[in-house]
């Protein structure tokens, strides 16, 4: 009898009315690695050729948009933004570029200049704080904030630039203030608006409420973005909840780099969106992308990082390994890739790995040897297994091969 996936895995995620489905027909992604990601206090800013490699990888993963910088920060940023925008144009990369800007003309004018020189539209992501706590700390007046919003959006539109209007700290802002600011931006010509969970305050419930509220303010024709941070560890689920409530585009960074503890990890968004059936992408280069960003920014990629970490598909535990081995011996690669993994390693172009360590069973040793074309002689298995039990960690390949060589010499 041929078994179906549903015969082997009951998916509670799709039970009842709790199934996450996006309201909009298409949910896009915007990669903030090259701007917001580099605001992390621990990163090294990549060289321009490294940024170009990252940009090409963003395109290879099918990510639709990318924030390529904040030109208002100075001439050095203008030069890099120009080079990145020119690469998008010259290489025909399928990326919609955007640049961050405060709601002041001095920040937006350089974006207009770069756009004109390179010959492609660059979306202006103009932002202004919106929460009462931010207004109080900055001594801001809402009338003045509304005026700045109108001036910034109007200037951008007059210079032929698409606009995404962003309110910072949206998730702690008053509804009446948000209504006033967003309505002003849309009336002035903003085609897209963005909710920013600037300090990672939101829960999935809050994210959903905010998106639905904003949809009622801006209508169906204006696009809504969600930009999240992971201060409370909820960034991925918040982004998915925002899409389920009607957001059109989700923001994130590679391995979640960014301010304080970071932004929503765009790599985990890609994987979850794929597993939920929202997108269909080739994610076999996702690990390469995350490793590239890790290496060029100096941010370590932990071994236990989900999906792309070294240990994501490795096990040295006897029970886990035994189940994978039994599945493989059934001749079922699909089964082996899922029996102890909710994310199939093959999705990332990887494979389940079985190691030998103090928590292993003898089956780990047998499998390890057979995978390398070596005969699993009982005495050799016993010696390796004993060494693993005496170790405080997983044995390296070199250590096991040394044991094999010593055993062969002893029995010669």
Protein backbone atom coordinates (compact mmCIF):
# COMPACT_ATOMS: atom_id res chain seq x y z
CA UNK A 1 0.00 0.00 0.00
CA UNK A 2 1.35 3.40 -0.96
CA UNK A 3 1.33 5.82 1.97
CA UNK A 4 0.57 9.50 1.62
CA UNK A 5 2.20 12.27 3.64
CA UNK A 6 -1.06 12.76 5.55
CA UNK A 7 -0.94 9.09 6.60
CA UNK A 8 2.40 9.64 8.34
CA UNK A 9 2.20 13.23 9.63
CA UNK A 10 -0.90 14.72 11.23
CA UNK A 11 -0.52 18.47 10.91
CA UNK A 12 -2.09 20.24 13.88
CA UNK A 13 -0.95 23.53 12.37
CA UNK A 14 -3.74 23.18 9.81
CA UNK A 15 -6.41 21.94 12.20
CA UNK A 16 -9.58 23.96 12.83
CA UNK A 17 -9.50 27.66 12.05
CA UNK A 18 -5.90 28.13 13.19
CA UNK A 19 -4.31 27.48 9.79
CA UNK A 20 -2.10 30.43 8.87
CA UNK A 21 -3.09 31.67 5.45
CA UNK A 22 -2.18 35.07 4.04
CA UNK A 23 -5.11 37.34 3.24
CA UNK A 24 -3.38 38.83 0.18
CA UNK A 25 -2.80 36.69 -2.90
CA UNK A 26 0.95 37.28 -2.79
CA UNK A 27 3.20 37.99 0.20
CA UNK A 28 6.55 39.48 -0.75
CA UNK A 29 9.79 39.97 1.18
CA UNK A 30 12.05 42.97 1.65
CA UNK A 31 15.65 42.30 2.70
CA UNK A 32 17.00 44.84 5.19
CA UNK A 33 20.41 43.20 5.65
CA UNK A 34 22.38 45.96 3.88
CA UNK A 35 20.84 48.78 5.91
CA UNK A 36 19.00 47.97 9.12
CA UNK A 37 21.04 44.80 9.55
CA UNK A 38 24.26 46.79 9.56
CA UNK A 39 23.02 48.96 12.44
CA UNK A 40 23.89 46.14 14.83
CA UNK A 41 26.52 47.37 17.29
CA UNK A 42 28.49 44.15 16.76
CA UNK A 43 28.78 44.00 12.96
CA UNK A 44 31.61 44.86 10.63
CA UNK A 45 30.26 46.72 7.61
CA UNK A 46 31.08 44.67 4.50
CA UNK A 47 33.19 46.10 1.71
CA UNK A 48 31.31 47.14 -1.41
CA UNK A 49 32.29 44.01 -3.36
CA UNK A 50 30.98 41.92 -0.46
CA UNK A 51 27.74 43.90 -0.47
CA UNK A 52 27.42 43.20 -4.19
CA UNK A 53 27.76 39.47 -3.53
CA UNK A 54 25.05 39.73 -0.87
CA UNK A 55 22.84 41.64 -3.31
CA UNK A 56 23.19 38.92 -5.95
CA UNK A 57 22.37 36.27 -3.35
CA UNK A 58 19.21 38.17 -2.38
CA UNK A 59 18.16 38.03 -6.02
CA UNK A 60 19.05 34.33 -6.31
CA UNK A 61 16.70 33.54 -3.42
CA UNK A 62 13.82 35.32 -5.15
CA UNK A 63 13.53 38.03 -2.49
CA UNK A 64 11.58 40.81 -4.15
CA UNK A 65 12.94 43.95 -2.46
CA UNK A 66 16.05 45.22 -0.71
CA UNK A 67 16.91 48.26 1.39
CA UNK A 68 20.27 49.40 -0.02
CA UNK A 69 21.09 52.17 2.46
CA UNK A 70 20.36 55.55 3.96
CA UNK A 71 22.00 58.14 1.64
CA UNK A 72 21.21 60.95 4.07
CA UNK A 73 23.96 59.58 6.33
CA UNK A 74 26.66 61.11 4.14
CA UNK A 75 28.64 61.00 0.87
CA UNK A 76 30.20 57.58 1.62
CA UNK A 77 26.73 56.03 1.86
CA UNK A 78 25.60 57.85 -1.29
CA UNK A 79 28.55 56.31 -3.18
CA UNK A 80 27.74 52.80 -1.99
CA UNK A 81 24.00 53.15 -2.62
CA UNK A 82 24.79 54.38 -6.14
CA UNK A 83 27.01 51.37 -6.80
CA UNK A 84 24.38 48.93 -5.51
CA UNK A 85 21.61 50.57 -7.50
CA UNK A 86 23.76 50.53 -10.63
CA UNK A 87 24.40 46.80 -10.14
CA UNK A 88 20.65 46.17 -9.95
CA UNK A 89 20.21 48.10 -13.20
CA UNK A 90 23.21 46.75 -15.12
CA UNK A 91 22.83 43.12 -14.04
CA UNK A 92 19.06 43.17 -14.46
CA UNK A 93 18.54 41.90 -10.92
CA UNK A 94 14.83 41.31 -10.17
CA UNK A 95 14.99 43.41 -7.00
CA UNK A 96 12.95 46.50 -6.16
CA UNK A 97 15.42 48.77 -4.32
CA UNK A 98 14.44 51.08 -1.49
CA UNK A 99 16.35 53.55 0.66
CA UNK A 100 15.61 54.69 4.18
CA UNK A 101 15.14 58.38 4.92
CA UNK A 102 13.87 60.52 7.72
CA UNK A 103 10.83 62.59 6.80
CA UNK A 104 13.05 65.51 5.84
CA UNK A 105 13.84 66.67 2.32
CA UNK A 106 17.59 66.66 3.06
CA UNK A 107 17.44 62.85 3.39
CA UNK A 108 15.23 62.31 0.34
CA UNK A 109 17.05 64.57 -2.15
CA UNK A 110 20.11 62.24 -2.38
CA UNK A 111 17.81 59.30 -3.18
CA UNK A 112 16.27 61.29 -6.02
CA UNK A 113 19.76 62.11 -7.32
CA UNK A 114 20.88 58.47 -7.24
CA UNK A 115 17.67 57.33 -8.93
CA UNK A 116 18.11 59.85 -11.71
CA UNK A 117 21.79 59.05 -12.26
CA UNK A 118 21.31 55.29 -12.34
CA UNK A 119 18.02 55.39 -14.22
CA UNK A 120 15.85 53.17 -12.03
CA UNK A 121 13.12 54.05 -9.52
CA UNK A 122 14.18 53.75 -5.88
CA UNK A 123 11.44 53.53 -3.29
CA UNK A 124 11.73 56.10 -0.49
CA UNK A 125 11.16 54.48 2.91
CA UNK A 126 10.60 57.67 4.87
CA UNK A 127 10.11 57.14 8.60
CA UNK A 128 9.02 59.13 11.62
CA UNK A 129 8.43 58.11 15.24
CA UNK A 130 4.81 57.70 16.24
CA UNK A 131 4.44 56.42 19.82
CA UNK A 132 3.57 58.76 22.72
CA UNK A 133 6.77 57.80 24.53
CA UNK A 134 8.84 58.77 21.50
CA UNK A 135 6.92 62.00 21.00
CA UNK A 136 7.45 62.91 24.65
CA UNK A 137 11.17 62.08 24.65
CA UNK A 138 11.74 64.09 21.46
CA UNK A 139 9.39 66.97 22.43
CA UNK A 140 7.59 66.46 19.14
CA UNK A 141 4.29 68.08 18.25
CA UNK A 142 1.83 65.97 16.22
CA UNK A 143 0.91 68.91 13.99
CA UNK A 144 4.58 69.34 13.12
CA UNK A 145 4.95 65.58 12.50
CA UNK A 146 1.98 65.67 10.15
CA UNK A 147 3.48 68.62 8.26
CA UNK A 148 6.85 66.85 7.90
CA UNK A 149 5.07 63.74 6.62
CA UNK A 150 3.15 65.67 3.99
CA UNK A 151 6.23 67.58 2.84
CA UNK A 152 8.42 64.48 2.61
CA UNK A 153 5.92 62.38 0.68
CA UNK A 154 4.98 65.23 -1.63
CA UNK A 155 8.65 65.97 -2.43
CA UNK A 156 9.29 62.30 -3.22
CA UNK A 157 6.27 61.97 -5.48
CA UNK A 158 7.12 65.20 -7.31
CA UNK A 159 10.55 63.72 -8.05
CA UNK A 160 9.05 60.55 -9.48
CA UNK A 161 9.91 58.31 -6.54
CA UNK A 162 7.57 55.66 -5.14
CA UNK A 163 7.01 56.09 -1.40
CA UNK A 164 6.69 53.70 1.53
CA UNK A 165 5.67 55.72 4.59
CA UNK A 166 6.93 54.19 7.84
CA UNK A 167 5.93 55.00 11.38
CA UNK A 168 8.54 53.98 13.92
CA UNK A 169 7.36 52.26 17.10
CA UNK A 170 3.96 51.70 15.52
CA UNK A 171 3.19 48.86 17.89
CA UNK A 172 3.11 51.28 20.87
CA UNK A 173 1.36 54.18 19.12
CA UNK A 174 -2.18 55.51 19.63
CA UNK A 175 -4.75 54.64 16.96
CA UNK A 176 -5.76 58.28 16.44
CA UNK A 177 -2.14 59.35 15.87
CA UNK A 178 -1.53 56.53 13.40
CA UNK A 179 -4.74 57.31 11.54
CA UNK A 180 -3.69 60.93 11.17
CA UNK A 181 -0.14 60.23 10.01
CA UNK A 182 -0.93 57.38 7.61
CA UNK A 183 -3.94 59.19 6.12
CA UNK A 184 -1.75 62.24 5.49
CA UNK A 185 0.93 60.12 3.79
CA UNK A 186 -1.56 58.33 1.53
CA UNK A 187 -3.31 61.58 0.60
CA UNK A 188 0.09 62.98 -0.40
CA UNK A 189 0.78 60.02 -2.68
CA UNK A 190 2.34 57.18 -0.64
CA UNK A 191 1.61 53.88 -2.41
CA UNK A 192 2.85 51.73 0.45
CA UNK A 193 2.84 52.06 4.24
CA UNK A 194 4.83 50.17 6.84
CA UNK A 195 4.16 49.10 10.41
CA UNK A 196 7.43 49.05 12.35
CA UNK A 197 7.73 47.01 15.53
CA UNK A 198 10.85 49.02 16.27
CA UNK A 199 11.53 47.69 19.76
CA UNK A 200 10.07 44.20 19.31
CA UNK A 201 7.05 44.96 21.51
CA UNK A 202 4.38 43.15 19.50
CA UNK A 203 2.77 39.76 20.01
CA UNK A 204 1.06 37.88 17.16
CA UNK A 205 -2.30 39.16 18.44
CA UNK A 206 -1.06 42.74 18.34
CA UNK A 207 0.45 42.33 14.90
CA UNK A 208 -2.84 41.06 13.50
CA UNK A 209 -4.87 43.83 15.12
CA UNK A 210 -2.55 46.52 13.79
CA UNK A 211 -2.59 45.26 10.22
CA UNK A 212 -6.38 45.03 10.18
CA UNK A 213 -6.65 48.49 11.72
CA UNK A 214 -4.31 49.98 9.15
CA UNK A 215 -6.12 48.28 6.27
CA UNK A 216 -9.24 50.10 7.41
CA UNK A 217 -7.32 53.39 7.32
CA UNK A 218 -5.53 53.11 3.96
CA UNK A 219 -7.93 50.91 1.97
CA UNK A 220 -7.27 47.94 -0.27
CA UNK A 221 -5.15 49.61 -2.94
CA UNK A 222 -2.32 50.77 -0.67
CA UNK A 223 0.25 48.08 0.17
CA UNK A 224 1.05 47.33 3.83
CA UNK A 225 4.49 46.19 5.03
CA UNK A 226 5.47 44.65 8.37
CA UNK A 227 8.92 45.39 9.83
CA UNK A 228 9.72 43.48 13.01
CA UNK A 229 12.45 43.11 15.62
CA UNK A 230 13.11 40.13 17.88
CA UNK A 231 13.55 41.67 21.35
CA UNK A 232 10.94 39.28 22.78
CA UNK A 233 11.78 36.40 20.47
CA UNK A 234 8.49 36.70 18.56
CA UNK A 235 9.65 38.23 15.29
CA UNK A 236 8.98 35.30 12.94
CA UNK A 237 5.54 34.42 14.31
CA UNK A 238 4.63 38.13 14.39
CA UNK A 239 5.53 38.49 10.72
CA UNK A 240 3.47 35.43 9.79
CA UNK A 241 0.54 36.76 11.83
CA UNK A 242 0.84 40.11 10.04
CA UNK A 243 0.62 38.36 6.67
CA UNK A 244 -2.32 36.27 7.85
CA UNK A 245 -4.05 39.54 8.76
CA UNK A 246 -3.41 41.14 5.37
CA UNK A 247 0.16 42.48 5.14
CA UNK A 248 1.56 42.50 1.60
CA UNK A 249 5.29 42.42 2.38
CA UNK A 250 7.45 41.28 5.29
CA UNK A 251 10.86 42.67 6.19
CA UNK A 252 13.83 40.76 7.55
CA UNK A 253 17.60 40.37 7.59
CA UNK A 254 19.93 37.43 7.04
CA UNK A 255 20.38 35.51 10.32
CA UNK A 256 18.38 38.28 11.99
CA UNK A 257 21.22 40.82 12.35
CA UNK A 258 20.23 44.34 13.32
CA UNK A 259 19.65 46.80 16.15
CA UNK A 260 20.07 45.37 19.65
CA UNK A 261 19.22 41.65 19.36
CA UNK A 262 18.24 42.04 15.71
CA UNK A 263 15.51 41.97 13.09
CA UNK A 264 13.21 39.21 11.89
CA UNK A 265 15.44 36.53 10.30
CA UNK A 266 14.50 36.55 6.63
CA UNK A 267 15.98 33.06 6.22
CA UNK A 268 13.45 31.66 8.70
CA UNK A 269 10.64 33.59 7.01
CA UNK A 270 11.56 31.99 3.68
CA UNK A 271 11.56 28.49 5.16
CA UNK A 272 8.31 28.93 7.07
CA UNK A 273 6.53 30.54 4.13
CA UNK A 274 7.66 27.63 1.94
CA UNK A 275 6.50 25.01 4.46
CA UNK A 276 3.16 26.79 4.82
CA UNK A 277 2.69 26.68 1.05
CA UNK A 278 2.77 30.45 0.60
CA UNK A 279 5.75 30.41 -1.78
CA UNK A 280 7.61 27.92 -3.95
CA UNK A 281 11.32 28.75 -4.12
CA UNK A 282 14.66 27.07 -4.62
CA UNK A 283 16.19 27.46 -1.15
CA UNK A 284 19.27 25.34 -1.74
CA UNK A 285 21.49 28.45 -1.54
CA UNK A 286 19.98 29.74 1.70
CA UNK A 287 22.74 28.27 3.86
CA UNK A 288 25.35 29.83 1.57
CA UNK A 289 23.63 33.21 1.89
CA UNK A 290 23.56 33.09 5.68
CA UNK A 291 27.18 31.97 5.84
CA UNK A 292 28.17 34.81 3.49
CA UNK A 293 26.48 37.41 5.66
CA UNK A 294 27.96 35.85 8.81
CA UNK A 295 31.48 35.91 7.37
CA UNK A 296 31.33 39.40 5.88
CA UNK A 297 29.79 41.04 8.96
CA UNK A 298 31.68 39.07 11.60
CA UNK A 299 28.46 37.86 13.24
CA UNK A 300 28.91 34.20 14.28
CA UNK A 301 26.41 31.66 12.97
CA UNK A 302 25.70 29.42 15.99
CA UNK A 303 25.90 25.68 15.42
CA UNK A 304 22.33 25.32 16.72
CA UNK A 305 20.87 28.14 14.60
CA UNK A 306 17.62 26.88 13.03
CA UNK A 307 17.73 25.42 9.51
CA UNK A 308 21.14 26.76 8.40
CA UNK A 309 23.22 26.07 11.52
CA UNK A 310 25.81 23.26 11.46
CA UNK A 311 23.74 21.09 13.80
CA UNK A 312 20.35 21.65 12.13
CA UNK A 313 20.34 18.19 10.55
CA UNK A 314 22.96 16.39 12.65
CA UNK A 315 22.26 13.87 15.40
CA UNK A 316 24.42 11.65 17.57
CA UNK A 317 21.57 10.47 19.80
CA UNK A 318 20.90 6.74 19.62
CA UNK A 319 17.10 6.84 19.47
CA UNK A 320 16.99 9.62 16.86
CA UNK A 321 19.70 8.09 14.71
CA UNK A 322 18.09 4.64 14.89
CA UNK A 323 14.81 5.99 13.50
CA UNK A 324 16.61 7.73 10.62
CA UNK A 325 18.65 4.60 9.88
CA UNK A 326 15.52 2.39 9.86
CA UNK A 327 13.82 4.82 7.47
CA UNK A 328 16.82 4.81 5.13
CA UNK A 329 16.95 1.01 5.19
CA UNK A 330 13.35 0.99 4.02
CA UNK A 331 14.77 2.71 0.96
CA UNK A 332 12.67 5.79 1.68
CA UNK A 333 14.66 9.01 1.45
CA UNK A 334 11.54 11.11 2.03
CA UNK A 335 10.80 9.25 5.26
CA UNK A 336 14.39 9.48 6.53
CA UNK A 337 14.40 13.22 5.89
CA UNK A 338 11.32 13.79 8.05
CA UNK A 339 11.11 11.14 10.75
CA UNK A 340 13.09 13.35 13.18
CA UNK A 341 12.94 16.70 11.38
CA UNK A 342 10.07 19.13 10.80
CA UNK A 343 12.18 20.86 8.15
CA UNK A 344 13.41 18.46 5.46
CA UNK A 345 17.15 18.85 4.98
CA UNK A 346 16.67 18.39 1.22
CA UNK A 347 14.79 21.71 1.11
CA UNK A 348 18.15 23.35 1.85
CA UNK A 349 20.16 21.03 -0.38
CA UNK A 350 21.45 19.26 2.72
CA UNK A 351 21.10 15.75 4.17
CA UNK A 352 20.49 14.22 7.58
CA UNK A 353 23.82 13.43 9.26
CA UNK A 354 24.45 10.74 11.86
CA UNK A 355 27.43 11.19 14.17
CA UNK A 356 28.99 9.05 16.90
CA UNK A 357 29.19 10.33 20.47
CA UNK A 358 28.50 9.49 24.12
CA UNK A 359 24.71 9.46 23.55
CA UNK A 360 24.93 7.15 20.54
CA UNK A 361 23.94 3.54 20.08
CA UNK A 362 25.94 0.89 18.23
CA UNK A 363 23.71 1.45 15.20
CA UNK A 364 25.27 4.92 14.86
CA UNK A 365 28.69 3.34 14.52
CA UNK A 366 27.53 0.70 12.04
CA UNK A 367 25.82 3.31 9.88
CA UNK A 368 28.79 5.71 10.06
CA UNK A 369 31.13 3.01 8.78
CA UNK A 370 28.79 1.73 6.06
CA UNK A 371 28.17 5.28 4.78
CA UNK A 372 31.90 5.51 4.11
CA UNK A 373 32.11 2.15 2.42
CA UNK A 374 33.80 0.47 5.40
CA UNK A 375 32.93 -2.96 6.75
CA UNK A 376 31.25 -2.77 10.17
CA UNK A 377 33.18 -5.61 11.78
CA UNK A 378 31.82 -6.41 15.28
CA UNK A 379 35.15 -5.81 17.08
CA UNK A 380 35.72 -2.51 15.26
CA UNK A 381 32.19 -1.37 16.12
CA UNK A 382 32.79 -2.31 19.75
CA UNK A 383 36.06 -0.35 19.97
CA UNK A 384 34.61 2.78 18.36
CA UNK A 385 31.48 2.55 20.50
CA UNK A 386 33.59 2.24 23.68
CA UNK A 387 35.64 5.31 22.68
CA UNK A 388 32.44 7.27 22.06
CA UNK A 389 31.05 6.36 25.47
CA UNK A 390 34.30 7.53 27.11
CA UNK A 391 34.22 10.84 25.24
CA UNK A 392 32.61 14.07 26.40
CA UNK A 393 31.64 15.06 22.87
CA UNK A 394 30.93 13.74 19.39
CA UNK A 395 33.94 12.02 17.85
CA UNK A 396 35.41 13.75 14.82
CA UNK A 397 35.87 11.93 11.54
CA UNK A 398 39.64 12.02 12.02
CA UNK A 399 39.35 10.44 15.47
CA UNK A 400 37.19 7.57 14.20
CA UNK A 401 39.49 6.96 11.25
CA UNK A 402 42.47 6.85 13.64
CA UNK A 403 40.65 4.20 15.69
CA UNK A 404 39.96 2.25 12.50
CA UNK A 405 43.63 2.42 11.49
CA UNK A 406 44.81 1.33 14.93
CA UNK A 407 42.35 -1.58 14.97
CA UNK A 408 43.42 -2.71 11.52
CA UNK A 409 47.05 -2.61 12.61
CA UNK A 410 46.27 -4.55 15.80
CA UNK A 411 44.53 -7.34 13.88
CA UNK A 412 47.00 -7.51 11.00
